[in-house]
Amino acid sequence: MPLADDLAGYFADHPLVELAFLFGSVGDGRAGFASDLDVAVMSGRAPLLGQVLHEGTRLYCESNARYAELIKRHMFDQADWRPYRERILRERRQRWIGNS
């Protein structure tokens, strides 16, 4: 699949990218004229949520309760439970994909 090869080469040149997936209709060969490109990327950098919440300008919010929940979850993730959560996720990944 030439597009997948092109994307793989593109992401291989970016050292912060650890994993990338092509999925959806393009990924499984069902793409049509109006299809979009679905790509999932995992980066070695910390998620941007803290930066977005702290420095970003909120453009639209359908639910203040949902926004508050997002902030609360981010704060919880940054608190002292984060190392435990990361260890658990790392152990799950190792069981699933091995030690690579």
N, C-alpha and C. Protein backbone atom coordinates (compact mmCIF):
# COMPACT_ATOMS: atom_id res chain seq x y z
N MET A 1 0.86 -1.18 0.00
CA MET A 1 0.00 0.00 0.00
C MET A 1 0.90 1.24 0.00
N PRO A 2 1.00 1.94 -1.12
CA PRO A 2 1.93 3.07 -1.24
C PRO A 2 1.69 4.17 -0.20
N LEU A 3 0.44 4.51 0.09
CA LEU A 3 0.16 5.56 1.08
C LEU A 3 0.69 5.15 2.44
N ALA A 4 0.46 3.91 2.84
CA ALA A 4 0.95 3.43 4.13
C ALA A 4 2.47 3.50 4.18
N ASP A 5 3.13 3.14 3.08
CA ASP A 5 4.59 3.22 3.03
C ASP A 5 5.06 4.66 3.15
N ASP A 6 4.38 5.58 2.46
CA ASP A 6 4.74 7.00 2.54
C ASP A 6 4.57 7.52 3.96
N LEU A 7 3.46 7.16 4.60
CA LEU A 7 3.22 7.61 5.97
C LEU A 7 4.24 7.01 6.93
N ALA A 8 4.56 5.74 6.75
CA ALA A 8 5.56 5.09 7.61
C ALA A 8 6.90 5.81 7.49
N GLY A 9 7.29 6.16 6.27
CA GLY A 9 8.53 6.90 6.07
C GLY A 9 8.49 8.27 6.71
N TYR A 10 7.35 8.93 6.60
CA TYR A 10 7.18 10.25 7.20
C TYR A 10 7.35 10.17 8.72
N PHE A 11 6.66 9.24 9.36
CA PHE A 11 6.73 9.14 10.81
C PHE A 11 8.09 8.63 11.29
N ALA A 12 8.75 7.81 10.48
CA ALA A 12 10.08 7.31 10.85
C ALA A 12 11.09 8.44 10.98
N ASP A 13 10.86 9.54 10.27
CA ASP A 13 11.77 10.68 10.31
C ASP A 13 11.50 11.61 11.50
N HIS A 14 10.51 11.30 12.32
CA HIS A 14 10.17 12.14 13.47
C HIS A 14 10.50 11.39 14.75
N PRO A 15 11.59 11.77 15.43
CA PRO A 15 12.06 11.00 16.57
C PRO A 15 11.09 10.94 17.75
N LEU A 16 10.16 11.86 17.85
CA LEU A 16 9.22 11.84 18.97
C LEU A 16 8.06 10.87 18.74
N VAL A 17 7.90 10.40 17.51
CA VAL A 17 6.82 9.46 17.21
C VAL A 17 7.29 8.05 17.55
N GLU A 18 6.51 7.38 18.41
CA GLU A 18 6.85 6.02 18.80
C GLU A 18 6.03 4.98 18.05
N LEU A 19 4.81 5.34 17.68
CA LEU A 19 3.91 4.38 17.07
C LEU A 19 2.89 5.15 16.24
N ALA A 20 2.55 4.65 15.07
CA ALA A 20 1.54 5.30 14.23
C ALA A 20 0.70 4.23 13.54
N PHE A 21 -0.60 4.51 13.43
CA PHE A 21 -1.53 3.59 12.78
C PHE A 21 -2.32 4.33 11.71
N LEU A 22 -2.56 3.68 10.61
CA LEU A 22 -3.51 4.12 9.60
C LEU A 22 -4.73 3.23 9.76
N PHE A 23 -5.91 3.81 9.92
CA PHE A 23 -7.10 3.00 10.12
C PHE A 23 -8.28 3.62 9.41
N GLY A 24 -9.45 3.07 9.60
CA GLY A 24 -10.64 3.56 8.92
C GLY A 24 -10.71 3.04 7.50
N SER A 25 -11.50 3.71 6.68
CA SER A 25 -11.74 3.21 5.32
C SER A 25 -10.47 3.19 4.47
N VAL A 26 -9.59 4.16 4.65
CA VAL A 26 -8.34 4.15 3.88
C VAL A 26 -7.45 3.00 4.36
N GLY A 27 -7.41 2.79 5.66
CA GLY A 27 -6.56 1.74 6.22
C GLY A 27 -6.97 0.34 5.81
N ASP A 28 -8.27 0.12 5.64
CA ASP A 28 -8.70 -1.24 5.27
C ASP A 28 -9.11 -1.37 3.81
N GLY A 29 -8.78 -0.36 3.00
CA GLY A 29 -8.99 -0.47 1.56
C GLY A 29 -10.38 -0.18 1.06
N ARG A 30 -11.24 0.45 1.87
CA ARG A 30 -12.60 0.77 1.45
C ARG A 30 -12.76 2.25 1.08
N ALA A 31 -11.68 2.96 0.91
CA ALA A 31 -11.73 4.41 0.68
C ALA A 31 -12.50 4.76 -0.58
N GLY A 32 -13.27 5.83 -0.46
CA GLY A 32 -13.99 6.37 -1.60
C GLY A 32 -13.57 7.81 -1.83
N PHE A 33 -14.26 8.48 -2.73
CA PHE A 33 -13.92 9.85 -3.10
C PHE A 33 -13.95 10.79 -1.89
N ALA A 34 -14.92 10.63 -1.01
CA ALA A 34 -15.09 11.55 0.12
C ALA A 34 -14.44 11.04 1.41
N SER A 35 -13.62 10.01 1.33
CA SER A 35 -13.00 9.45 2.54
C SER A 35 -11.97 10.41 3.12
N ASP A 36 -11.88 10.39 4.44
CA ASP A 36 -10.83 11.16 5.10
C ASP A 36 -9.71 10.20 5.48
N LEU A 37 -8.66 10.74 6.06
CA LEU A 37 -7.50 9.96 6.43
C LEU A 37 -7.46 9.86 7.95
N ASP A 38 -7.59 8.66 8.48
CA ASP A 38 -7.58 8.44 9.92
C ASP A 38 -6.21 7.91 10.33
N VAL A 39 -5.50 8.70 11.14
CA VAL A 39 -4.17 8.33 11.60
C VAL A 39 -4.12 8.53 13.11
N ALA A 40 -3.62 7.53 13.82
CA ALA A 40 -3.41 7.64 15.27
C ALA A 40 -1.91 7.62 15.51
N VAL A 41 -1.43 8.53 16.35
CA VAL A 41 0.00 8.66 16.60
C VAL A 41 0.25 8.68 18.11
N MET A 42 1.23 7.90 18.55
CA MET A 42 1.66 7.94 19.94
C MET A 42 3.04 8.58 19.98
N SER A 43 3.17 9.57 20.83
CA SER A 43 4.41 10.32 20.93
C SER A 43 5.06 10.05 22.28
N GLY A 44 6.36 10.14 22.31
CA GLY A 44 7.09 9.98 23.55
C GLY A 44 6.96 11.16 24.48
N ARG A 45 6.45 12.25 23.99
CA ARG A 45 6.29 13.44 24.82
C ARG A 45 5.05 13.33 25.67
N ALA A 46 5.05 14.11 26.74
CA ALA A 46 3.88 14.15 27.61
C ALA A 46 2.69 14.70 26.83
N PRO A 47 1.51 14.25 27.17
CA PRO A 47 0.32 14.77 26.49
C PRO A 47 0.22 16.28 26.63
N LEU A 48 -0.43 16.90 25.68
CA LEU A 48 -0.55 18.35 25.65
C LEU A 48 -1.72 18.88 26.45
N LEU A 49 -2.49 18.02 27.09
CA LEU A 49 -3.70 18.49 27.76
C LEU A 49 -3.41 19.59 28.77
N GLY A 50 -2.38 19.44 29.57
CA GLY A 50 -2.06 20.47 30.56
C GLY A 50 -1.77 21.81 29.90
N GLN A 51 -1.01 21.79 28.82
CA GLN A 51 -0.70 23.03 28.10
C GLN A 51 -1.96 23.63 27.49
N VAL A 52 -2.79 22.78 26.93
CA VAL A 52 -4.03 23.26 26.32
C VAL A 52 -4.93 23.90 27.37
N LEU A 53 -5.11 23.22 28.51
CA LEU A 53 -5.98 23.75 29.56
C LEU A 53 -5.42 25.03 30.18
N HIS A 54 -4.10 25.10 30.32
CA HIS A 54 -3.48 26.25 30.98
C HIS A 54 -3.33 27.45 30.06
N GLU A 55 -2.92 27.22 28.82
CA GLU A 55 -2.57 28.32 27.92
C GLU A 55 -3.56 28.54 26.79
N GLY A 56 -4.40 27.55 26.52
CA GLY A 56 -5.30 27.63 25.38
C GLY A 56 -6.49 28.54 25.62
N THR A 57 -7.12 28.93 24.54
CA THR A 57 -8.35 29.73 24.58
C THR A 57 -9.52 28.81 24.25
N ARG A 58 -10.43 28.68 25.18
CA ARG A 58 -11.59 27.81 24.96
C ARG A 58 -12.50 28.47 23.93
N LEU A 59 -12.75 27.78 22.85
CA LEU A 59 -13.57 28.32 21.77
C LEU A 59 -15.03 27.96 21.92
N TYR A 60 -15.32 26.78 22.42
CA TYR A 60 -16.70 26.32 22.53
C TYR A 60 -16.76 25.27 23.62
N CYS A 61 -17.85 25.27 24.36
CA CYS A 61 -18.03 24.26 25.41
C CYS A 61 -19.51 23.95 25.53
N GLU A 62 -19.90 22.76 25.11
CA GLU A 62 -21.30 22.37 25.18
C GLU A 62 -21.74 22.15 26.62
N SER A 63 -20.83 21.68 27.47
CA SER A 63 -21.19 21.33 28.84
C SER A 63 -20.09 21.75 29.81
N ASN A 64 -20.41 22.67 30.70
CA ASN A 64 -19.43 23.08 31.71
C ASN A 64 -19.09 21.92 32.64
N ALA A 65 -20.05 21.04 32.87
CA ALA A 65 -19.79 19.87 33.72
C ALA A 65 -18.75 18.96 33.06
N ARG A 66 -18.84 18.78 31.75
CA ARG A 66 -17.87 17.95 31.03
C ARG A 66 -16.49 18.60 31.05
N TYR A 67 -16.45 19.91 30.90
CA TYR A 67 -15.19 20.66 30.96
C TYR A 67 -14.56 20.52 32.35
N ALA A 68 -15.37 20.66 33.39
CA ALA A 68 -14.88 20.51 34.76
C ALA A 68 -14.35 19.10 34.99
N GLU A 69 -15.03 18.10 34.44
CA GLU A 69 -14.58 16.71 34.57
C GLU A 69 -13.23 16.51 33.89
N LEU A 70 -13.03 17.14 32.74
CA LEU A 70 -11.76 17.06 32.04
C LEU A 70 -10.64 17.66 32.88
N ILE A 71 -10.89 18.82 33.47
CA ILE A 71 -9.89 19.45 34.33
C ILE A 71 -9.59 18.58 35.55
N LYS A 72 -10.65 18.05 36.16
CA LYS A 72 -10.48 17.20 37.34
C LYS A 72 -9.66 15.96 37.00
N ARG A 73 -9.98 15.33 35.89
CA ARG A 73 -9.24 14.13 35.51
C ARG A 73 -7.77 14.46 35.24
N HIS A 74 -7.52 15.58 34.57
CA HIS A 74 -6.14 15.97 34.31
C HIS A 74 -5.39 16.19 35.62
N MET A 75 -6.01 16.88 36.55
CA MET A 75 -5.36 17.14 37.83
C MET A 75 -5.08 15.82 38.56
N PHE A 76 -6.03 14.91 38.51
CA PHE A 76 -5.83 13.61 39.14
C PHE A 76 -4.67 12.87 38.50
N ASP A 77 -4.61 12.90 37.18
CA ASP A 77 -3.53 12.22 36.47
C ASP A 77 -2.17 12.80 36.80
N GLN A 78 -2.13 14.09 37.08
CA GLN A 78 -0.86 14.74 37.38
C GLN A 78 -0.47 14.58 38.85
N ALA A 79 -1.39 14.15 39.66
CA ALA A 79 -1.12 14.01 41.09
C ALA A 79 -0.26 12.79 41.36
N ASP A 80 -0.16 12.45 42.61
CA ASP A 80 0.75 11.38 42.99
C ASP A 80 0.32 9.99 42.55
N TRP A 81 -0.84 9.82 41.92
CA TRP A 81 -1.24 8.51 41.40
C TRP A 81 -0.63 8.23 40.03
N ARG A 82 -0.10 9.23 39.39
CA ARG A 82 0.41 9.05 38.03
C ARG A 82 1.50 7.98 37.93
N PRO A 83 2.49 7.97 38.83
CA PRO A 83 3.52 6.92 38.70
C PRO A 83 2.94 5.51 38.77
N TYR A 84 1.96 5.30 39.62
CA TYR A 84 1.33 3.98 39.73
C TYR A 84 0.57 3.63 38.45
N ARG A 85 -0.15 4.61 37.95
CA ARG A 85 -0.91 4.39 36.71
C ARG A 85 0.03 4.05 35.56
N GLU A 86 1.14 4.80 35.46
CA GLU A 86 2.10 4.54 34.38
C GLU A 86 2.73 3.16 34.52
N ARG A 87 3.04 2.75 35.75
CA ARG A 87 3.61 1.42 35.96
C ARG A 87 2.63 0.33 35.54
N ILE A 88 1.37 0.48 35.93
CA ILE A 88 0.35 -0.50 35.56
C ILE A 88 0.21 -0.59 34.05
N LEU A 89 0.14 0.57 33.38
CA LEU A 89 0.02 0.57 31.93
C LEU A 89 1.24 -0.03 31.26
N ARG A 90 2.43 0.27 31.79
CA ARG A 90 3.66 -0.30 31.23
C ARG A 90 3.66 -1.83 31.36
N GLU A 91 3.24 -2.32 32.53
CA GLU A 91 3.17 -3.77 32.74
C GLU A 91 2.16 -4.42 31.81
N ARG A 92 1.04 -3.77 31.60
CA ARG A 92 0.03 -4.31 30.67
C ARG A 92 0.59 -4.37 29.25
N ARG A 93 1.27 -3.29 28.84
CA ARG A 93 1.86 -3.28 27.50
C ARG A 93 2.88 -4.40 27.35
N GLN A 94 3.72 -4.59 28.37
CA GLN A 94 4.74 -5.63 28.30
C GLN A 94 4.11 -7.02 28.20
N ARG A 95 3.02 -7.24 28.92
CA ARG A 95 2.33 -8.54 28.82
C ARG A 95 1.71 -8.72 27.44
N TRP A 96 1.24 -7.62 26.86
CA TRP A 96 0.55 -7.71 25.58
C TRP A 96 1.51 -7.85 24.42
N ILE A 97 2.56 -7.02 24.39
CA ILE A 97 3.45 -7.01 23.22
C ILE A 97 4.84 -7.56 23.52
N GLY A 98 5.12 -7.90 24.74
CA GLY A 98 6.45 -8.39 25.08
C GLY A 98 7.32 -7.27 25.62
N ASN A 99 8.58 -7.52 25.71
CA ASN A 99 9.51 -6.56 26.33
C ASN A 99 10.13 -5.58 25.36
N SER A 100 9.60 -5.43 24.18
CA SER A 100 10.19 -4.51 23.20
C SER A 100 9.77 -3.10 23.46
